[in-house]
């Protein structure tokens, strides 16, 4: 089993993005099966998502619209960010940071 964590930083404010709803889902023949949901903590981190099987295709779905609404940002360009990736065999953990602002985002595989 492979653990998954994420970290969201609000680059427009220069600090962690607290309160971003995050969903982890598994790609199945019938569509996306939600495995777990959480929200970023005061440090912008989510550490409590369930582990997944190697070889799985998973999606992290960030409800950035809800976060921007908390910050009183009107009509962010990306109301959600969907990151889909394959969990490779022999990997014990994936960390997927998201750098976010109202008009753009960047994501990468962290360590």
N, C-alpha and C. Protein backbone atom coordinates (compact mmCIF):
# COMPACT_ATOMS: atom_id res chain seq x y z
N UNK A 1 0.84 -1.18 0.00
CA UNK A 1 0.00 0.00 0.00
C UNK A 1 0.89 1.25 0.00
N UNK A 2 0.39 2.28 -0.65
CA UNK A 2 1.14 3.53 -0.80
C UNK A 2 0.36 4.68 -0.19
N UNK A 3 1.01 5.43 0.69
CA UNK A 3 0.39 6.59 1.31
C UNK A 3 0.42 7.80 0.39
N UNK A 4 -0.56 8.67 0.56
CA UNK A 4 -0.65 9.90 -0.24
C UNK A 4 -0.91 11.06 0.71
N UNK A 5 -0.12 12.13 0.52
CA UNK A 5 -0.34 13.36 1.27
C UNK A 5 -0.25 14.53 0.30
N UNK A 6 -0.72 15.69 0.76
CA UNK A 6 -0.65 16.88 -0.08
C UNK A 6 -0.42 18.10 0.80
N UNK A 7 -0.02 19.18 0.16
CA UNK A 7 0.28 20.44 0.84
C UNK A 7 -0.15 21.54 -0.12
N UNK A 8 -0.99 22.45 0.33
CA UNK A 8 -1.48 23.53 -0.54
C UNK A 8 -0.96 24.85 -0.01
N UNK A 9 -0.29 25.60 -0.88
CA UNK A 9 0.23 26.92 -0.53
C UNK A 9 -0.46 27.96 -1.40
N UNK A 10 -0.94 29.02 -0.76
CA UNK A 10 -1.60 30.12 -1.47
C UNK A 10 -0.51 31.12 -1.85
N UNK A 11 -0.10 31.11 -3.11
CA UNK A 11 1.00 31.97 -3.54
C UNK A 11 0.59 33.43 -3.63
N UNK A 12 -0.70 33.72 -3.66
CA UNK A 12 -1.14 35.12 -3.68
C UNK A 12 -1.02 35.76 -2.30
N UNK A 13 -1.04 34.93 -1.26
CA UNK A 13 -0.92 35.42 0.11
C UNK A 13 0.44 35.10 0.73
N UNK A 14 1.16 34.17 0.10
CA UNK A 14 2.46 33.78 0.62
C UNK A 14 2.38 32.96 1.89
N UNK A 15 1.33 32.11 2.00
CA UNK A 15 1.19 31.29 3.21
C UNK A 15 0.38 30.02 2.89
N UNK A 16 0.35 29.09 3.85
CA UNK A 16 -0.43 27.87 3.64
C UNK A 16 -1.90 28.17 3.42
N UNK A 17 -2.54 27.34 2.62
CA UNK A 17 -3.97 27.49 2.33
C UNK A 17 -4.75 26.57 3.27
N UNK A 18 -5.28 27.13 4.33
CA UNK A 18 -6.05 26.36 5.31
C UNK A 18 -7.50 26.23 4.85
N UNK A 19 -8.07 25.03 5.02
CA UNK A 19 -9.49 24.83 4.75
C UNK A 19 -9.85 24.43 3.34
N UNK A 20 -8.88 23.98 2.54
CA UNK A 20 -9.20 23.52 1.18
C UNK A 20 -9.75 22.09 1.26
N UNK A 21 -11.00 21.87 0.85
CA UNK A 21 -11.52 20.50 0.81
C UNK A 21 -10.78 19.67 -0.25
N UNK A 22 -10.42 18.44 0.12
CA UNK A 22 -9.66 17.55 -0.77
C UNK A 22 -10.33 16.19 -0.78
N UNK A 23 -10.45 15.62 -1.98
CA UNK A 23 -11.03 14.28 -2.14
C UNK A 23 -10.02 13.40 -2.85
N UNK A 24 -9.85 12.18 -2.36
CA UNK A 24 -9.03 11.17 -3.03
C UNK A 24 -9.96 10.13 -3.62
N UNK A 25 -9.81 9.86 -4.93
CA UNK A 25 -10.68 8.89 -5.60
C UNK A 25 -9.84 7.92 -6.42
N UNK A 26 -10.37 6.73 -6.60
CA UNK A 26 -9.74 5.66 -7.37
C UNK A 26 -10.46 5.51 -8.70
N UNK A 27 -9.70 5.40 -9.79
CA UNK A 27 -10.29 5.18 -11.10
C UNK A 27 -10.64 3.70 -11.23
N UNK A 28 -11.93 3.41 -11.40
CA UNK A 28 -12.40 2.04 -11.56
C UNK A 28 -13.11 1.93 -12.91
N UNK A 29 -13.46 0.72 -13.29
CA UNK A 29 -14.18 0.53 -14.56
C UNK A 29 -15.51 1.28 -14.57
N UNK A 30 -16.10 1.47 -13.41
CA UNK A 30 -17.38 2.17 -13.32
C UNK A 30 -17.26 3.66 -13.11
N UNK A 31 -16.05 4.18 -13.08
CA UNK A 31 -15.85 5.61 -12.85
C UNK A 31 -15.01 5.84 -11.60
N UNK A 32 -15.11 7.02 -11.04
CA UNK A 32 -14.32 7.39 -9.88
C UNK A 32 -15.01 6.94 -8.59
N UNK A 33 -14.27 6.22 -7.76
CA UNK A 33 -14.76 5.77 -6.46
C UNK A 33 -14.04 6.58 -5.38
N UNK A 34 -14.79 7.34 -4.60
CA UNK A 34 -14.19 8.16 -3.55
C UNK A 34 -13.66 7.26 -2.44
N UNK A 35 -12.37 7.45 -2.13
CA UNK A 35 -11.73 6.67 -1.07
C UNK A 35 -11.68 7.43 0.24
N UNK A 36 -11.61 8.75 0.15
CA UNK A 36 -11.53 9.55 1.37
C UNK A 36 -11.62 11.02 1.07
N UNK A 37 -12.04 11.78 2.07
CA UNK A 37 -12.11 13.23 1.96
C UNK A 37 -11.47 13.84 3.21
N UNK A 38 -10.97 15.06 3.04
CA UNK A 38 -10.35 15.76 4.15
C UNK A 38 -10.32 17.24 3.79
N UNK A 39 -9.61 18.02 4.58
CA UNK A 39 -9.39 19.44 4.30
C UNK A 39 -8.01 19.80 4.83
N UNK A 40 -7.40 20.79 4.20
CA UNK A 40 -6.07 21.20 4.63
C UNK A 40 -6.12 21.81 6.03
N UNK A 41 -5.08 21.55 6.81
CA UNK A 41 -4.99 22.08 8.17
C UNK A 41 -4.36 23.48 8.16
N UNK A 42 -4.04 24.01 9.32
CA UNK A 42 -3.50 25.38 9.41
C UNK A 42 -2.15 25.52 8.72
N UNK A 43 -1.47 24.39 8.49
CA UNK A 43 -0.20 24.40 7.76
C UNK A 43 -0.41 24.10 6.28
N UNK A 44 -1.67 23.98 5.84
CA UNK A 44 -1.98 23.69 4.45
C UNK A 44 -1.81 22.23 4.07
N UNK A 45 -1.68 21.36 5.05
CA UNK A 45 -1.39 19.95 4.78
C UNK A 45 -2.60 19.04 5.01
N UNK A 46 -2.61 17.95 4.23
CA UNK A 46 -3.56 16.85 4.44
C UNK A 46 -2.71 15.60 4.63
N UNK A 47 -2.86 14.98 5.78
CA UNK A 47 -2.04 13.81 6.10
C UNK A 47 -2.87 12.56 6.37
N UNK A 48 -4.20 12.66 6.27
CA UNK A 48 -5.05 11.55 6.70
C UNK A 48 -5.80 10.86 5.57
N UNK A 49 -5.27 10.95 4.36
CA UNK A 49 -5.91 10.24 3.24
C UNK A 49 -5.54 8.76 3.30
N UNK A 50 -6.42 7.88 2.84
CA UNK A 50 -6.12 6.44 2.90
C UNK A 50 -5.02 6.04 1.92
N UNK A 51 -4.33 4.96 2.24
CA UNK A 51 -3.32 4.40 1.35
C UNK A 51 -4.02 3.70 0.18
N UNK A 52 -3.29 3.57 -0.94
CA UNK A 52 -3.84 2.94 -2.14
C UNK A 52 -2.90 1.85 -2.64
N UNK A 53 -3.43 0.97 -3.47
CA UNK A 53 -2.65 -0.12 -4.05
C UNK A 53 -1.72 0.40 -5.15
N UNK A 54 -0.53 -0.19 -5.25
CA UNK A 54 0.37 0.13 -6.35
C UNK A 54 -0.30 -0.21 -7.67
N UNK A 55 -0.06 0.59 -8.68
CA UNK A 55 -0.67 0.40 -9.99
C UNK A 55 -2.00 1.10 -10.15
N UNK A 56 -2.52 1.65 -9.07
CA UNK A 56 -3.80 2.36 -9.13
C UNK A 56 -3.65 3.70 -9.83
N UNK A 57 -4.71 4.11 -10.50
CA UNK A 57 -4.81 5.47 -11.02
C UNK A 57 -5.74 6.21 -10.07
N UNK A 58 -5.23 7.29 -9.49
CA UNK A 58 -5.99 8.02 -8.48
C UNK A 58 -6.12 9.49 -8.86
N UNK A 59 -7.08 10.13 -8.21
CA UNK A 59 -7.32 11.56 -8.45
C UNK A 59 -7.38 12.29 -7.11
N UNK A 60 -6.65 13.38 -7.03
CA UNK A 60 -6.82 14.33 -5.94
C UNK A 60 -7.65 15.47 -6.49
N UNK A 61 -8.78 15.74 -5.86
CA UNK A 61 -9.67 16.81 -6.30
C UNK A 61 -9.71 17.87 -5.21
N UNK A 62 -9.25 19.07 -5.55
CA UNK A 62 -9.18 20.19 -4.62
C UNK A 62 -10.34 21.15 -4.92
N UNK A 63 -11.17 21.43 -3.92
CA UNK A 63 -12.28 22.36 -4.09
C UNK A 63 -11.77 23.78 -3.84
N UNK A 64 -11.07 24.30 -4.83
CA UNK A 64 -10.45 25.62 -4.68
C UNK A 64 -11.49 26.73 -4.67
N UNK A 65 -12.64 26.51 -5.27
CA UNK A 65 -13.71 27.51 -5.23
C UNK A 65 -14.18 27.75 -3.81
N UNK A 66 -14.34 26.68 -3.03
CA UNK A 66 -14.75 26.82 -1.63
C UNK A 66 -13.70 27.58 -0.83
N UNK A 67 -12.43 27.27 -1.08
CA UNK A 67 -11.35 27.97 -0.39
C UNK A 67 -11.35 29.45 -0.74
N UNK A 68 -11.43 29.76 -2.02
CA UNK A 68 -11.41 31.17 -2.43
C UNK A 68 -12.63 31.92 -1.91
N UNK A 69 -13.77 31.25 -1.79
CA UNK A 69 -14.96 31.89 -1.21
C UNK A 69 -14.70 32.29 0.24
N UNK A 70 -13.96 31.43 0.99
CA UNK A 70 -13.60 31.76 2.37
C UNK A 70 -12.73 33.01 2.42
N UNK A 71 -11.95 33.22 1.38
CA UNK A 71 -11.04 34.37 1.32
C UNK A 71 -11.68 35.56 0.61
N UNK A 72 -12.96 35.45 0.29
CA UNK A 72 -13.72 36.52 -0.39
C UNK A 72 -13.16 36.87 -1.76
N UNK A 73 -12.63 35.86 -2.46
CA UNK A 73 -12.17 36.04 -3.83
C UNK A 73 -13.36 35.80 -4.75
N UNK A 74 -13.68 36.79 -5.56
CA UNK A 74 -14.82 36.65 -6.47
C UNK A 74 -14.41 35.90 -7.73
N UNK A 75 -15.18 34.90 -8.08
CA UNK A 75 -15.06 34.16 -9.34
C UNK A 75 -13.63 33.75 -9.66
N UNK A 76 -13.01 32.86 -8.85
CA UNK A 76 -11.69 32.38 -9.23
C UNK A 76 -11.77 31.65 -10.57
N UNK A 77 -10.71 31.71 -11.34
CA UNK A 77 -10.70 31.12 -12.67
C UNK A 77 -10.82 29.60 -12.62
N UNK A 78 -10.21 28.97 -11.62
CA UNK A 78 -10.25 27.52 -11.46
C UNK A 78 -11.03 27.18 -10.19
N UNK A 79 -12.33 26.82 -10.30
CA UNK A 79 -13.10 26.49 -9.10
C UNK A 79 -12.72 25.15 -8.49
N UNK A 80 -12.03 24.32 -9.25
CA UNK A 80 -11.49 23.07 -8.71
C UNK A 80 -10.24 22.71 -9.47
N UNK A 81 -9.39 21.94 -8.81
CA UNK A 81 -8.17 21.43 -9.43
C UNK A 81 -8.20 19.92 -9.30
N UNK A 82 -8.08 19.23 -10.42
CA UNK A 82 -8.10 17.77 -10.46
C UNK A 82 -6.73 17.28 -10.90
N UNK A 83 -6.08 16.49 -10.05
CA UNK A 83 -4.76 15.94 -10.36
C UNK A 83 -4.90 14.43 -10.42
N UNK A 84 -4.63 13.85 -11.59
CA UNK A 84 -4.75 12.40 -11.79
C UNK A 84 -3.35 11.84 -12.01
N UNK A 85 -3.01 10.78 -11.29
CA UNK A 85 -1.69 10.18 -11.44
C UNK A 85 -1.74 8.69 -11.16
N UNK A 86 -0.72 7.98 -11.63
CA UNK A 86 -0.60 6.54 -11.43
C UNK A 86 0.36 6.28 -10.28
N UNK A 87 -0.03 5.41 -9.39
CA UNK A 87 0.80 5.02 -8.25
C UNK A 87 1.70 3.88 -8.70
N UNK A 88 2.99 4.14 -8.78
CA UNK A 88 3.95 3.16 -9.27
C UNK A 88 4.23 2.10 -8.21
N UNK A 89 4.57 0.89 -8.64
CA UNK A 89 4.97 -0.15 -7.69
C UNK A 89 6.24 0.28 -6.94
N UNK A 90 6.41 -0.25 -5.76
CA UNK A 90 7.60 -0.03 -4.92
C UNK A 90 7.74 1.40 -4.42
N UNK A 91 6.67 2.16 -4.45
CA UNK A 91 6.69 3.50 -3.86
C UNK A 91 5.93 3.44 -2.54
N UNK A 92 6.53 3.93 -1.48
CA UNK A 92 5.89 3.85 -0.17
C UNK A 92 5.05 5.07 0.15
N UNK A 93 5.31 6.18 -0.55
CA UNK A 93 4.56 7.39 -0.25
C UNK A 93 4.63 8.36 -1.44
N UNK A 94 3.53 9.05 -1.68
CA UNK A 94 3.50 10.14 -2.65
C UNK A 94 3.08 11.41 -1.92
N UNK A 95 3.84 12.48 -2.14
CA UNK A 95 3.48 13.79 -1.62
C UNK A 95 3.25 14.68 -2.83
N UNK A 96 2.07 15.31 -2.90
CA UNK A 96 1.67 16.07 -4.08
C UNK A 96 1.34 17.51 -3.67
N UNK A 97 2.33 18.42 -3.69
CA UNK A 97 2.08 19.81 -3.33
C UNK A 97 1.36 20.56 -4.45
N UNK A 98 0.49 21.49 -4.04
CA UNK A 98 -0.25 22.35 -4.96
C UNK A 98 0.04 23.80 -4.59
N UNK A 99 0.55 24.56 -5.55
CA UNK A 99 0.75 26.00 -5.39
C UNK A 99 -0.42 26.67 -6.07
N UNK A 100 -1.14 27.51 -5.34
CA UNK A 100 -2.45 27.98 -5.78
C UNK A 100 -2.56 29.49 -5.69
N UNK A 101 -3.25 30.08 -6.66
CA UNK A 101 -3.70 31.47 -6.57
C UNK A 101 -5.01 31.54 -7.35
N UNK A 102 -5.74 32.66 -7.29
CA UNK A 102 -7.06 32.70 -7.94
C UNK A 102 -7.05 32.49 -9.45
N UNK A 103 -5.91 32.68 -10.10
CA UNK A 103 -5.88 32.61 -11.56
C UNK A 103 -4.92 31.57 -12.12
N UNK A 104 -4.41 30.71 -11.26
CA UNK A 104 -3.50 29.69 -11.74
C UNK A 104 -3.08 28.74 -10.63
N UNK A 105 -2.41 27.68 -11.04
CA UNK A 105 -1.88 26.73 -10.06
C UNK A 105 -0.73 25.96 -10.69
N UNK A 106 0.06 25.36 -9.83
CA UNK A 106 1.15 24.50 -10.24
C UNK A 106 1.18 23.32 -9.28
N UNK A 107 1.50 22.16 -9.80
CA UNK A 107 1.54 20.95 -8.97
C UNK A 107 2.77 20.15 -9.38
N UNK A 108 3.32 19.42 -8.42
CA UNK A 108 4.48 18.60 -8.71
C UNK A 108 4.52 17.43 -7.74
N UNK A 109 5.34 16.45 -8.05
CA UNK A 109 5.53 15.34 -7.13
C UNK A 109 6.63 15.73 -6.15
N UNK A 110 6.27 15.85 -4.91
CA UNK A 110 7.23 16.21 -3.87
C UNK A 110 7.90 14.98 -3.29
N UNK A 111 8.56 15.20 -2.18
CA UNK A 111 9.25 14.09 -1.52
C UNK A 111 8.77 13.95 -0.08
